PDB file of all heavy atoms in Angstrom:
ATOM      1  N   TYR A   1     151.147  90.292 -15.926  1.00  0.00           N
ATOM      2  CA  TYR A   1     152.184  90.164 -16.961  1.00  0.00           C
ATOM      3  C   TYR A   1     151.965  91.019 -18.131  1.00  0.00           C
ATOM      4  O   TYR A   1     152.916  91.591 -18.714  1.00  0.00           O
ATOM      5  CB  TYR A   1     152.252  88.636 -17.329  1.00  0.00           C
ATOM      6  CG  TYR A   1     153.414  88.302 -18.203  1.00  0.00           C
ATOM      7  CD1 TYR A   1     154.713  88.466 -17.694  1.00  0.00           C
ATOM      8  CD2 TYR A   1     153.266  87.770 -19.508  1.00  0.00           C
ATOM      9  CE1 TYR A   1     155.812  88.156 -18.479  1.00  0.00           C
ATOM     10  CE2 TYR A   1     154.350  87.417 -20.256  1.00  0.00           C
ATOM     11  CZ  TYR A   1     155.630  87.607 -19.768  1.00  0.00           C
ATOM     12  OH  TYR A   1     156.751  87.233 -20.532  1.00  0.00           O
ATOM     13  N   ASP A   2     150.651  91.170 -18.532  1.00  0.00           N
ATOM     14  CA  ASP A   2     150.364  92.050 -19.677  1.00  0.00           C
ATOM     15  C   ASP A   2     150.969  93.436 -19.430  1.00  0.00           C
ATOM     16  O   ASP A   2     151.434  94.099 -20.391  1.00  0.00           O
ATOM     17  CB  ASP A   2     148.804  92.325 -19.784  1.00  0.00           C
ATOM     18  CG  ASP A   2     148.065  91.129 -20.283  1.00  0.00           C
ATOM     19  OD1 ASP A   2     148.666  90.187 -20.811  1.00  0.00           O
ATOM     20  OD2 ASP A   2     146.817  91.049 -20.102  1.00  0.00           O
ATOM     21  N   ASN A   3     150.903  93.927 -18.212  1.00  0.00           N
ATOM     22  CA  ASN A   3     151.207  95.275 -17.939  1.00  0.00           C
ATOM     23  C   ASN A   3     152.361  95.504 -17.058  1.00  0.00           C
ATOM     24  O   ASN A   3     152.701  96.661 -16.700  1.00  0.00           O
ATOM     25  CB  ASN A   3     149.956  95.958 -17.295  1.00  0.00           C
ATOM     26  CG  ASN A   3     148.745  95.838 -18.173  1.00  0.00           C
ATOM     27  OD1 ASN A   3     148.699  96.450 -19.255  1.00  0.00           O
ATOM     28  ND2 ASN A   3     147.761  95.055 -17.752  1.00  0.00           N
ATOM     29  N   HIS A   4     153.020  94.399 -16.639  1.00  0.00           N
ATOM     30  CA  HIS A   4     154.175  94.487 -15.681  1.00  0.00           C
ATOM     31  C   HIS A   4     153.804  95.331 -14.472  1.00  0.00           C
ATOM     32  O   HIS A   4     154.456  96.328 -14.138  1.00  0.00           O
ATOM     33  CB  HIS A   4     155.405  94.976 -16.346  1.00  0.00           C
ATOM     34  CG  HIS A   4     155.895  94.096 -17.488  1.00  0.00           C
ATOM     35  ND1 HIS A   4     156.153  92.805 -17.290  1.00  0.00           N
ATOM     36  CD2 HIS A   4     156.132  94.362 -18.776  1.00  0.00           C
ATOM     37  CE1 HIS A   4     156.525  92.246 -18.435  1.00  0.00           C
ATOM     38  NE2 HIS A   4     156.534  93.115 -19.363  1.00  0.00           N
ATOM     39  N   VAL A   5     152.765  94.893 -13.762  1.00  0.00           N
ATOM     40  CA  VAL A   5     152.316  95.507 -12.544  1.00  0.00           C
ATOM     41  C   VAL A   5     152.187  94.392 -11.459  1.00  0.00           C
ATOM     42  O   VAL A   5     151.995  93.217 -11.809  1.00  0.00           O
ATOM     43  CB  VAL A   5     150.962  96.198 -12.660  1.00  0.00           C
ATOM     44  CG1 VAL A   5     151.051  97.402 -13.666  1.00  0.00           C
ATOM     45  CG2 VAL A   5     149.836  95.261 -13.098  1.00  0.00           C
ATOM     46  N   PHE A   6     152.214  94.746 -10.206  1.00  0.00           N
ATOM     47  CA  PHE A   6     151.826  93.854  -9.184  1.00  0.00           C
ATOM     48  C   PHE A   6     150.370  93.817  -9.168  1.00  0.00           C
ATOM     49  O   PHE A   6     149.654  94.811  -9.242  1.00  0.00           O
ATOM     50  CB  PHE A   6     152.339  94.355  -7.769  1.00  0.00           C
ATOM     51  CG  PHE A   6     153.787  94.275  -7.618  1.00  0.00           C
ATOM     52  CD1 PHE A   6     154.650  95.387  -7.742  1.00  0.00           C
ATOM     53  CD2 PHE A   6     154.417  93.011  -7.255  1.00  0.00           C
ATOM     54  CE1 PHE A   6     156.007  95.277  -7.592  1.00  0.00           C
ATOM     55  CE2 PHE A   6     155.790  92.944  -7.021  1.00  0.00           C
ATOM     56  CZ  PHE A   6     156.594  94.048  -7.223  1.00  0.00           C
ATOM     57  N   MET A   7     149.775  92.587  -8.959  1.00  0.00           N
ATOM     58  CA  MET A   7     148.352  92.377  -8.856  1.00  0.00           C
ATOM     59  C   MET A   7     148.019  91.784  -7.478  1.00  0.00           C
ATOM     60  O   MET A   7     148.616  90.758  -7.099  1.00  0.00           O
ATOM     61  CB  MET A   7     147.869  91.370 -10.005  1.00  0.00           C
ATOM     62  CG  MET A   7     146.423  91.113  -9.943  1.00  0.00           C
ATOM     63  SD  MET A   7     145.333  92.382 -10.522  1.00  0.00           S
ATOM     64  CE  MET A   7     145.814  92.486 -12.253  1.00  0.00           C
ATOM     65  N   ILE A   8     147.096  92.405  -6.840  1.00  0.00           N
ATOM     66  CA  ILE A   8     146.616  91.864  -5.508  1.00  0.00           C
ATOM     67  C   ILE A   8     145.177  91.483  -5.623  1.00  0.00           C
ATOM     68  O   ILE A   8     144.323  92.311  -5.870  1.00  0.00           O
ATOM     69  CB  ILE A   8     146.829  92.969  -4.385  1.00  0.00           C
ATOM     70  CG1 ILE A   8     148.250  93.428  -4.307  1.00  0.00           C
ATOM     71  CG2 ILE A   8     146.404  92.319  -3.030  1.00  0.00           C
ATOM     72  CD1 ILE A   8     148.454  94.617  -3.359  1.00  0.00           C
ATOM     73  N   GLY A   9     144.939  90.202  -5.626  1.00  0.00           N
ATOM     74  CA  GLY A   9     143.531  89.641  -5.811  1.00  0.00           C
ATOM     75  C   GLY A   9     143.037  89.109  -4.513  1.00  0.00           C
ATOM     76  O   GLY A   9     143.599  88.168  -3.994  1.00  0.00           O
ATOM     77  N   ALA A  10     142.005  89.825  -3.911  1.00  0.00           N
ATOM     78  CA  ALA A  10     141.423  89.336  -2.689  1.00  0.00           C
ATOM     79  C   ALA A  10     140.092  88.739  -3.001  1.00  0.00           C
ATOM     80  O   ALA A  10     139.140  89.505  -3.402  1.00  0.00           O
ATOM     81  CB  ALA A  10     141.275  90.526  -1.704  1.00  0.00           C
ATOM     82  N   ASN A  11     139.904  87.484  -2.881  1.00  0.00           N
ATOM     83  CA  ASN A  11     138.675  86.763  -3.279  1.00  0.00           C
ATOM     84  C   ASN A  11     137.924  86.354  -2.017  1.00  0.00           C
ATOM     85  O   ASN A  11     138.443  85.978  -0.988  1.00  0.00           O
ATOM     86  CB  ASN A  11     138.992  85.552  -4.105  1.00  0.00           C
ATOM     87  CG  ASN A  11     137.761  84.990  -4.836  1.00  0.00           C
ATOM     88  OD1 ASN A  11     136.933  85.799  -5.265  1.00  0.00           O
ATOM     89  ND2 ASN A  11     137.731  83.719  -5.016  1.00  0.00           N
ATOM     90  N   ALA A  12     136.583  86.432  -2.133  1.00  0.00           N
ATOM     91  CA  ALA A  12     135.660  86.057  -1.047  1.00  0.00           C
ATOM     92  C   ALA A  12     135.757  84.588  -0.759  1.00  0.00           C
ATOM     93  O   ALA A  12     136.089  83.734  -1.592  1.00  0.00           O
ATOM     94  CB  ALA A  12     134.240  86.444  -1.364  1.00  0.00           C
ATOM     95  N   THR A  13     135.309  84.259   0.461  1.00  0.00           N
ATOM     96  CA  THR A  13     135.136  82.873   0.840  1.00  0.00           C
ATOM     97  C   THR A  13     133.766  82.761   1.587  1.00  0.00           C
ATOM     98  O   THR A  13     133.090  83.775   1.782  1.00  0.00           O
ATOM     99  CB  THR A  13     136.296  82.331   1.727  1.00  0.00           C
ATOM    100  OG1 THR A  13     136.146  80.953   1.931  1.00  0.00           O
ATOM    101  CG2 THR A  13     136.302  83.067   3.042  1.00  0.00           C
ATOM    102  N   GLY A  14     133.386  81.589   1.960  1.00  0.00           N
ATOM    103  CA  GLY A  14     132.099  81.463   2.642  1.00  0.00           C
ATOM    104  C   GLY A  14     130.882  81.475   1.713  1.00  0.00           C
ATOM    105  O   GLY A  14     131.042  81.188   0.478  1.00  0.00           O
ATOM    106  N   VAL A  15     129.788  81.801   2.223  1.00  0.00           N
ATOM    107  CA  VAL A  15     128.459  81.741   1.509  1.00  0.00           C
ATOM    108  C   VAL A  15     127.754  83.040   1.632  1.00  0.00           C
ATOM    109  O   VAL A  15     127.670  83.677   2.683  1.00  0.00           O
ATOM    110  CB  VAL A  15     127.577  80.619   2.054  1.00  0.00           C
ATOM    111  CG1 VAL A  15     126.250  80.586   1.364  1.00  0.00           C
ATOM    112  CG2 VAL A  15     128.270  79.267   1.931  1.00  0.00           C
ATOM    113  N   ASP A  16     127.261  83.592   0.483  1.00  0.00           N
ATOM    114  CA  ASP A  16     126.634  84.877   0.507  1.00  0.00           C
ATOM    115  C   ASP A  16     125.125  84.765   0.839  1.00  0.00           C
ATOM    116  O   ASP A  16     124.609  83.660   1.061  1.00  0.00           O
ATOM    117  CB  ASP A  16     126.858  85.657  -0.776  1.00  0.00           C
ATOM    118  CG  ASP A  16     126.088  85.152  -1.972  1.00  0.00           C
ATOM    119  OD1 ASP A  16     125.099  84.391  -1.816  1.00  0.00           O
ATOM    120  OD2 ASP A  16     126.508  85.494  -3.129  1.00  0.00           O
ATOM    121  N   PRO A  17     124.367  85.910   1.082  1.00  0.00           N
ATOM    122  CA  PRO A  17     123.006  85.851   1.421  1.00  0.00           C
ATOM    123  C   PRO A  17     122.084  85.004   0.488  1.00  0.00           C
ATOM    124  O   PRO A  17     121.014  84.484   0.914  1.00  0.00           O
ATOM    125  CB  PRO A  17     122.550  87.310   1.478  1.00  0.00           C
ATOM    126  CG  PRO A  17     123.782  88.003   1.777  1.00  0.00           C
ATOM    127  CD  PRO A  17     124.851  87.300   1.033  1.00  0.00           C
ATOM    128  N   ALA A  18     122.506  84.848  -0.758  1.00  0.00           N
ATOM    129  CA  ALA A  18     121.715  84.066  -1.677  1.00  0.00           C
ATOM    130  C   ALA A  18     122.073  82.522  -1.668  1.00  0.00           C
ATOM    131  O   ALA A  18     121.554  81.756  -2.384  1.00  0.00           O
ATOM    132  CB  ALA A  18     121.842  84.566  -3.134  1.00  0.00           C
ATOM    133  N   GLY A  19     123.007  82.191  -0.769  1.00  0.00           N
ATOM    134  CA  GLY A  19     123.423  80.816  -0.585  1.00  0.00           C
ATOM    135  C   GLY A  19     124.533  80.330  -1.567  1.00  0.00           C
ATOM    136  O   GLY A  19     124.778  79.168  -1.730  1.00  0.00           O
ATOM    137  N   ILE A  20     125.235  81.305  -2.228  1.00  0.00           N
ATOM    138  CA  ILE A  20     126.232  81.002  -3.251  1.00  0.00           C
ATOM    139  C   ILE A  20     127.579  80.936  -2.545  1.00  0.00           C
ATOM    140  O   ILE A  20     128.007  81.861  -1.866  1.00  0.00           O
ATOM    141  CB  ILE A  20     126.242  82.043  -4.364  1.00  0.00           C
ATOM    142  CG1 ILE A  20     124.848  81.994  -5.020  1.00  0.00           C
ATOM    143  CG2 ILE A  20     127.399  81.802  -5.305  1.00  0.00           C
ATOM    144  CD1 ILE A  20     124.682  83.061  -6.064  1.00  0.00           C
ATOM    145  N   PRO A  21     128.388  79.818  -2.748  1.00  0.00           N
ATOM    146  CA  PRO A  21     129.657  79.700  -2.071  1.00  0.00           C
ATOM    147  C   PRO A  21     130.801  80.264  -2.889  1.00  0.00           C
ATOM    148  O   PRO A  21     130.740  80.373  -4.117  1.00  0.00           O
ATOM    149  CB  PRO A  21     129.841  78.148  -1.908  1.00  0.00           C
ATOM    150  CG  PRO A  21     129.073  77.641  -3.149  1.00  0.00           C
ATOM    151  CD  PRO A  21     127.917  78.625  -3.405  1.00  0.00           C
ATOM    152  N   TYR A  22     131.877  80.601  -2.138  1.00  0.00           N
ATOM    153  CA  TYR A  22     133.061  81.216  -2.853  1.00  0.00           C
ATOM    154  C   TYR A  22     134.317  80.419  -2.288  1.00  0.00           C
ATOM    155  O   TYR A  22     134.279  79.893  -1.225  1.00  0.00           O
ATOM    156  CB  TYR A  22     133.157  82.698  -2.446  1.00  0.00           C
ATOM    157  CG  TYR A  22     131.970  83.482  -3.048  1.00  0.00           C
ATOM    158  CD1 TYR A  22     130.831  83.546  -2.276  1.00  0.00           C
ATOM    159  CD2 TYR A  22     131.997  83.955  -4.313  1.00  0.00           C
ATOM    160  CE1 TYR A  22     129.697  84.212  -2.761  1.00  0.00           C
ATOM    161  CE2 TYR A  22     130.875  84.554  -4.845  1.00  0.00           C
ATOM    162  CZ  TYR A  22     129.708  84.647  -4.119  1.00  0.00           C
ATOM    163  OH  TYR A  22     128.590  85.281  -4.596  1.00  0.00           O
ATOM    164  N   PHE A  23     135.367  80.471  -3.051  1.00  0.00           N
ATOM    165  CA  PHE A  23     136.474  79.540  -2.868  1.00  0.00           C
ATOM    166  C   PHE A  23     137.741  80.200  -2.388  1.00  0.00           C
ATOM    167  O   PHE A  23     138.805  79.532  -2.239  1.00  0.00           O
ATOM    168  CB  PHE A  23     136.779  78.677  -4.108  1.00  0.00           C
ATOM    169  CG  PHE A  23     137.124  79.494  -5.319  1.00  0.00           C
ATOM    170  CD1 PHE A  23     138.441  80.011  -5.528  1.00  0.00           C
ATOM    171  CD2 PHE A  23     136.244  79.729  -6.286  1.00  0.00           C
ATOM    172  CE1 PHE A  23     138.808  80.701  -6.592  1.00  0.00           C
ATOM    173  CE2 PHE A  23     136.558  80.437  -7.449  1.00  0.00           C
ATOM    174  CZ  PHE A  23     137.859  80.930  -7.577  1.00  0.00           C
ATOM    175  N   GLY A  24     137.747  81.502  -2.080  1.00  0.00           N
ATOM    176  CA  GLY A  24     138.992  82.088  -1.586  1.00  0.00           C
ATOM    177  C   GLY A  24     140.089  82.065  -2.598  1.00  0.00           C
ATOM    178  O   GLY A  24     139.979  82.532  -3.750  1.00  0.00           O
ATOM    179  N   ASN A  25     141.272  81.562  -2.190  1.00  0.00           N
ATOM    180  CA  ASN A  25     142.432  81.432  -3.108  1.00  0.00           C
ATOM    181  C   ASN A  25     142.986  82.822  -3.483  1.00  0.00           C
ATOM    182  O   ASN A  25     143.496  83.017  -4.539  1.00  0.00           O
ATOM    183  CB  ASN A  25     142.038  80.687  -4.405  1.00  0.00           C
ATOM    184  CG  ASN A  25     143.222  80.075  -5.113  1.00  0.00           C
ATOM    185  OD1 ASN A  25     143.314  80.086  -6.350  1.00  0.00           O
ATOM    186  ND2 ASN A  25     144.226  79.594  -4.407  1.00  0.00           N
ATOM    187  N   SER A  26     142.835  83.729  -2.519  1.00  0.00           N
ATOM    188  CA  SER A  26     143.453  85.128  -2.781  1.00  0.00           C
ATOM    189  C   SER A  26     144.929  84.980  -3.146  1.00  0.00           C
ATOM    190  O   SER A  26     145.633  84.031  -2.653  1.00  0.00           O
ATOM    191  CB  SER A  26     143.224  85.939  -1.580  1.00  0.00           C
ATOM    192  OG  SER A  26     141.896  86.169  -1.217  1.00  0.00           O
ATOM    193  N   MET A  27     145.435  85.914  -3.863  1.00  0.00           N
ATOM    194  CA  MET A  27     146.824  85.779  -4.344  1.00  0.00           C
ATOM    195  C   MET A  27     147.436  87.145  -4.581  1.00  0.00           C
ATOM    196  O   MET A  27     146.745  88.168  -4.858  1.00  0.00           O
ATOM    197  CB  MET A  27     146.937  84.916  -5.539  1.00  0.00           C
ATOM    198  CG  MET A  27     146.252  85.416  -6.795  1.00  0.00           C
ATOM    199  SD  MET A  27     146.415  84.255  -8.125  1.00  0.00           S
ATOM    200  CE  MET A  27     145.576  82.790  -7.537  1.00  0.00           C
ATOM    201  N   ILE A  28     148.808  87.165  -4.571  1.00  0.00           N
ATOM    202  CA  ILE A  28     149.515  88.339  -4.973  1.00  0.00           C
ATOM    203  C   ILE A  28     150.493  87.922  -6.035  1.00  0.00           C
ATOM    204  O   ILE A  28     151.181  86.892  -5.904  1.00  0.00           O
ATOM    205  CB  ILE A  28     150.286  88.901  -3.744  1.00  0.00           C
ATOM    206  CG1 ILE A  28     149.264  89.344  -2.694  1.00  0.00           C
ATOM    207  CG2 ILE A  28     151.167  90.100  -4.202  1.00  0.00           C
ATOM    208  CD1 ILE A  28     149.965  89.811  -1.375  1.00  0.00           C
ATOM    209  N   VAL A  29     150.525  88.666  -7.123  1.00  0.00           N
ATOM    210  CA  VAL A  29     151.287  88.262  -8.323  1.00  0.00           C
ATOM    211  C   VAL A  29     152.265  89.382  -8.667  1.00  0.00           C
ATOM    212  O   VAL A  29     151.966  90.617  -8.628  1.00  0.00           O
ATOM    213  CB  VAL A  29     150.366  87.988  -9.498  1.00  0.00           C
ATOM    214  CG1 VAL A  29     151.096  87.431 -10.721  1.00  0.00           C
ATOM    215  CG2 VAL A  29     149.222  87.059  -9.132  1.00  0.00           C
ATOM    216  N   THR A  30     153.494  88.972  -9.187  1.00  0.00           N
ATOM    217  CA  THR A  30     154.528  89.924  -9.537  1.00  0.00           C
ATOM    218  C   THR A  30     154.336  90.423 -10.964  1.00  0.00           C
ATOM    219  O   THR A  30     153.607  89.777 -11.757  1.00  0.00           O
ATOM    220  CB  THR A  30     155.862  89.417  -9.318  1.00  0.00           C
ATOM    221  OG1 THR A  30     156.165  88.435 -10.387  1.00  0.00           O
ATOM    222  CG2 THR A  30     156.078  88.714  -7.998  1.00  0.00           C
ATOM    223  N   PRO A  31     155.104  91.453 -11.381  1.00  0.00           N
ATOM    224  CA  PRO A  31     155.054  91.918 -12.798  1.00  0.00           C
ATOM    225  C   PRO A  31     155.580  90.890 -13.814  1.00  0.00           C
ATOM    226  O   PRO A  31     155.396  91.142 -15.027  1.00  0.00           O
ATOM    227  CB  PRO A  31     155.898  93.169 -12.800  1.00  0.00           C
ATOM    228  CG  PRO A  31     155.727  93.659 -11.377  1.00  0.00           C
ATOM    229  CD  PRO A  31     155.723  92.430 -10.495  1.00  0.00           C
ATOM    230  N   ILE A  32     156.177  89.770 -13.399  1.00  0.00           N
ATOM    231  CA  ILE A  32     156.566  88.730 -14.309  1.00  0.00           C
ATOM    232  C   ILE A  32     155.686  87.477 -14.119  1.00  0.00           C
ATOM    233  O   ILE A  32     156.095  86.402 -14.484  1.00  0.00           O
ATOM    234  CB  ILE A  32     158.020  88.445 -14.270  1.00  0.00           C
ATOM    235  CG1 ILE A  32     158.468  87.958 -12.846  1.00  0.00           C
ATOM    236  CG2 ILE A  32     158.866  89.602 -14.696  1.00  0.00           C
ATOM    237  CD1 ILE A  32     159.858  87.342 -12.821  1.00  0.00           C
ATOM    238  N   ALA A  33     154.518  87.675 -13.515  1.00  0.00           N
ATOM    239  CA  ALA A  33     153.470  86.644 -13.413  1.00  0.00           C
ATOM    240  C   ALA A  33     153.746  85.598 -12.397  1.00  0.00           C
ATOM    241  O   ALA A  33     153.146  84.507 -12.439  1.00  0.00           O
ATOM    242  CB  ALA A  33     153.146  86.021 -14.812  1.00  0.00           C
ATOM    243  N   GLU A  34     154.654  85.886 -11.476  1.00  0.00           N
ATOM    244  CA  GLU A  34     154.930  84.882 -10.386  1.00  0.00           C
ATOM    245  C   GLU A  34     153.895  85.050  -9.254  1.00  0.00           C
ATOM    246  O   GLU A  34     153.796  86.179  -8.709  1.00  0.00           O
ATOM    247  CB  GLU A  34     156.333  85.039  -9.887  1.00  0.00           C
ATOM    248  CG  GLU A  34     156.632  84.063  -8.753  1.00  0.00           C
ATOM    249  CD  GLU A  34     158.056  84.219  -8.169  1.00  0.00           C
ATOM    250  OE1 GLU A  34     158.645  85.265  -8.429  1.00  0.00           O
ATOM    251  OE2 GLU A  34     158.491  83.370  -7.373  1.00  0.00           O
ATOM    252  N   VAL A  35     153.250  83.984  -8.816  1.00  0.00           N
ATOM    253  CA  VAL A  35     152.370  84.053  -7.667  1.00  0.00           C
ATOM    254  C   VAL A  35     153.319  83.918  -6.425  1.00  0.00           C
ATOM    255  O   VAL A  35     153.818  82.884  -6.153  1.00  0.00           O
ATOM    256  CB  VAL A  35     151.335  82.919  -7.662  1.00  0.00           C
ATOM    257  CG1 VAL A  35     150.483  83.005  -6.430  1.00  0.00           C
ATOM    258  CG2 VAL A  35     150.461  83.034  -8.923  1.00  0.00           C
ATOM    259  N   ILE A  36     153.368  84.994  -5.642  1.00  0.00           N
ATOM    260  CA  ILE A  36     154.286  85.000  -4.510  1.00  0.00           C
ATOM    261  C   ILE A  36     153.576  84.865  -3.201  1.00  0.00           C
ATOM    262  O   ILE A  36     154.222  84.722  -2.137  1.00  0.00           O
ATOM    263  CB  ILE A  36     155.167  86.281  -4.484  1.00  0.00           C
ATOM    264  CG1 ILE A  36     154.335  87.571  -4.556  1.00  0.00           C
ATOM    265  CG2 ILE A  36     156.178  86.228  -5.559  1.00  0.00           C
ATOM    266  CD1 ILE A  36     155.096  88.828  -4.336  1.00  0.00           C
ATOM    267  N   ALA A  37     152.215  84.825  -3.248  1.00  0.00           N
ATOM    268  CA  ALA A  37     151.414  84.542  -2.013  1.00  0.00           C
ATOM    269  C   ALA A  37     150.093  83.947  -2.496  1.00  0.00           C
ATOM    270  O   ALA A  37     149.510  84.487  -3.432  1.00  0.00           O
ATOM    271  CB  ALA A  37     151.211  85.812  -1.186  1.00  0.00           C
ATOM    272  N   ARG A  38     149.638  82.893  -1.833  1.00  0.00           N
ATOM    273  CA  ARG A  38     148.386  82.280  -2.217  1.00  0.00           C
ATOM    274  C   ARG A  38     147.709  81.755  -0.984  1.00  0.00           C
ATOM    275  O   ARG A  38     148.256  81.012  -0.141  1.00  0.00           O
ATOM    276  CB  ARG A  38     148.661  81.108  -3.240  1.00  0.00           C
ATOM    277  CG  ARG A  38     147.367  80.542  -3.762  1.00  0.00           C
ATOM    278  CD  ARG A  38     147.666  79.151  -4.434  1.00  0.00           C
ATOM    279  NE  ARG A  38     148.717  79.234  -5.417  1.00  0.00           N
ATOM    280  CZ  ARG A  38     148.478  79.346  -6.725  1.00  0.00           C
ATOM    281  NH1 ARG A  38     147.268  79.517  -7.177  1.00  0.00           N
ATOM    282  NH2 ARG A  38     149.515  79.377  -7.557  1.00  0.00           N
TER     283      ARG A  38
END
């Protein structure tokens, strides 16, 4: 929204080699801040 761009956020899931977990929730956001995929 700050910049009126599309944002594609791809977040990790699972557990890394140090045993730290991740929650996914990847999303695609429009230039007016609408989450159109989650």
